[in-house]
Amino acid sequence: MKKLFSISMCLGAGLLVSCETTQTAGMGNQERKRMAQLQREQEEAAQIDEADRNLWNAQVDRMTRDSNPAIRY
């Protein structure tokens, strides 16, 4: 009886170990929402950077044009 019990315990433990996995279930709804929000923030930041760059270039052009008398309007 003791031998049968130890064999069944070993088989049960082996079954439990074989069922474990290291893979995750995948991306959940919360994770999808968080990633979408991060992507929106990055796109918005890129638009702001482009707007700042355009404003800077326009200001440089204006300063160059206004300070150089050889260039006509």
C-alpha atoms as a PDB file:
ATOM      1  CA  MET A   1       0.000   0.000   0.000  1.00  0.00           C
ATOM      2  CA  LYS A   2       2.846   2.337   0.870  1.00  0.00           C
ATOM      3  CA  LYS A   3       4.523   1.566  -2.452  1.00  0.00           C
ATOM      4  CA  LEU A   4       1.305   2.279  -4.398  1.00  0.00           C
ATOM      5  CA  PHE A   5       0.841   5.568  -2.527  1.00  0.00           C
ATOM      6  CA  SER A   6       4.396   6.736  -3.314  1.00  0.00           C
ATOM      7  CA  ILE A   7       4.015   5.784  -6.995  1.00  0.00           C
ATOM      8  CA  SER A   8       0.709   7.643  -7.226  1.00  0.00           C
ATOM      9  CA  MET A   9       2.268  10.701  -5.544  1.00  0.00           C
ATOM     10  CA  CYS A  10       5.157  10.671  -8.024  1.00  0.00           C
ATOM     11  CA  LEU A  11       2.778  10.361 -10.970  1.00  0.00           C
ATOM     12  CA  GLY A  12       0.558  13.137  -9.581  1.00  0.00           C
ATOM     13  CA  ALA A  13       3.528  15.435  -9.103  1.00  0.00           C
ATOM     14  CA  GLY A  14       4.755  14.635 -12.609  1.00  0.00           C
ATOM     15  CA  LEU A  15       1.328  15.454 -14.015  1.00  0.00           C
ATOM     16  CA  LEU A  16       1.229  18.801 -12.216  1.00  0.00           C
ATOM     17  CA  VAL A  17       4.720  19.721 -13.383  1.00  0.00           C
ATOM     18  CA  SER A  18       3.959  18.775 -16.975  1.00  0.00           C
ATOM     19  CA  CYS A  19       0.833  20.969 -17.017  1.00  0.00           C
ATOM     20  CA  GLU A  20       2.669  24.153 -16.043  1.00  0.00           C
ATOM     21  CA  THR A  21       3.599  26.562 -18.798  1.00  0.00           C
ATOM     22  CA  THR A  22       5.787  29.623 -18.987  1.00  0.00           C
ATOM     23  CA  GLN A  23       3.760  31.286 -21.748  1.00  0.00           C
ATOM     24  CA  THR A  24       1.437  34.114 -20.856  1.00  0.00           C
ATOM     25  CA  ALA A  25      -2.172  34.163 -21.923  1.00  0.00           C
ATOM     26  CA  GLY A  26      -1.575  37.082 -24.259  1.00  0.00           C
ATOM     27  CA  MET A  27      -2.418  40.754 -24.207  1.00  0.00           C
ATOM     28  CA  GLY A  28      -5.494  41.592 -22.164  1.00  0.00           C
ATOM     29  CA  ASN A  29      -7.954  44.407 -22.641  1.00  0.00           C
ATOM     30  CA  GLN A  30      -6.228  46.695 -20.129  1.00  0.00           C
ATOM     31  CA  GLU A  31      -2.877  46.166 -21.838  1.00  0.00           C
ATOM     32  CA  ARG A  32      -4.388  46.953 -25.253  1.00  0.00           C
ATOM     33  CA  LYS A  33      -5.894  50.175 -23.922  1.00  0.00           C
ATOM     34  CA  ARG A  34      -2.603  51.197 -22.330  1.00  0.00           C
ATOM     35  CA  MET A  35      -0.660  50.526 -25.524  1.00  0.00           C
ATOM     36  CA  ALA A  36      -3.209  52.475 -27.598  1.00  0.00           C
ATOM     37  CA  GLN A  37      -2.938  55.424 -25.212  1.00  0.00           C
ATOM     38  CA  LEU A  38       0.868  55.370 -25.417  1.00  0.00           C
ATOM     39  CA  GLN A  39       0.700  55.300 -29.212  1.00  0.00           C
ATOM     40  CA  ARG A  40      -1.712  58.275 -29.255  1.00  0.00           C
ATOM     41  CA  GLU A  41       0.585  60.232 -26.942  1.00  0.00           C
ATOM     42  CA  GLN A  42       3.594  59.509 -29.151  1.00  0.00           C
ATOM     43  CA  GLU A  43       1.722  60.616 -32.273  1.00  0.00           C
ATOM     44  CA  GLU A  44       0.572  63.781 -30.523  1.00  0.00           C
ATOM     45  CA  ALA A  45       4.115  64.527 -29.363  1.00  0.00           C
ATOM     46  CA  ALA A  46       5.381  64.054 -32.921  1.00  0.00           C
ATOM     47  CA  GLN A  47       2.800  66.555 -34.194  1.00  0.00           C
ATOM     48  CA  ILE A  48       3.798  69.071 -31.538  1.00  0.00           C
ATOM     49  CA  ASP A  49       7.457  68.620 -32.428  1.00  0.00           C
ATOM     50  CA  GLU A  50       6.663  69.183 -36.102  1.00  0.00           C
ATOM     51  CA  ALA A  51       4.665  72.300 -35.270  1.00  0.00           C
ATOM     52  CA  ASP A  52       7.526  73.666 -33.182  1.00  0.00           C
ATOM     53  CA  ARG A  53       9.972  72.898 -35.966  1.00  0.00           C
ATOM     54  CA  ASN A  54       7.780  74.681 -38.520  1.00  0.00           C
ATOM     55  CA  LEU A  55       7.407  77.697 -36.238  1.00  0.00           C
ATOM     56  CA  TRP A  56      11.156  77.823 -35.657  1.00  0.00           C
ATOM     57  CA  ASN A  57      11.912  77.623 -39.393  1.00  0.00           C
ATOM     58  CA  ALA A  58       9.376  80.339 -40.174  1.00  0.00           C
ATOM     59  CA  GLN A  59      10.919  82.590 -37.533  1.00  0.00           C
ATOM     60  CA  VAL A  60      14.428  81.986 -38.899  1.00  0.00           C
ATOM     61  CA  ASP A  61      13.227  82.751 -42.418  1.00  0.00           C
ATOM     62  CA  ARG A  62      11.588  85.936 -41.218  1.00  0.00           C
ATOM     63  CA  MET A  63      14.689  87.066 -39.346  1.00  0.00           C
ATOM     64  CA  THR A  64      16.895  86.293 -42.344  1.00  0.00           C
ATOM     65  CA  ARG A  65      14.599  88.090 -44.759  1.00  0.00           C
ATOM     66  CA  ASP A  66      14.049  91.138 -42.526  1.00  0.00           C
ATOM     67  CA  SER A  67      17.679  91.607 -41.569  1.00  0.00           C
ATOM     68  CA  ASN A  68      19.120  91.239 -45.078  1.00  0.00           C
ATOM     69  CA  PRO A  69      18.414  94.329 -47.230  1.00  0.00           C
ATOM     70  CA  ALA A  70      19.593  92.574 -50.393  1.00  0.00           C
ATOM     71  CA  ILE A  71      16.576  90.235 -50.330  1.00  0.00           C
ATOM     72  CA  ARG A  72      13.313  91.747 -51.562  1.00  0.00           C
ATOM     73  CA  TYR A  73       9.957  90.741 -50.142  1.00  0.00           C
END
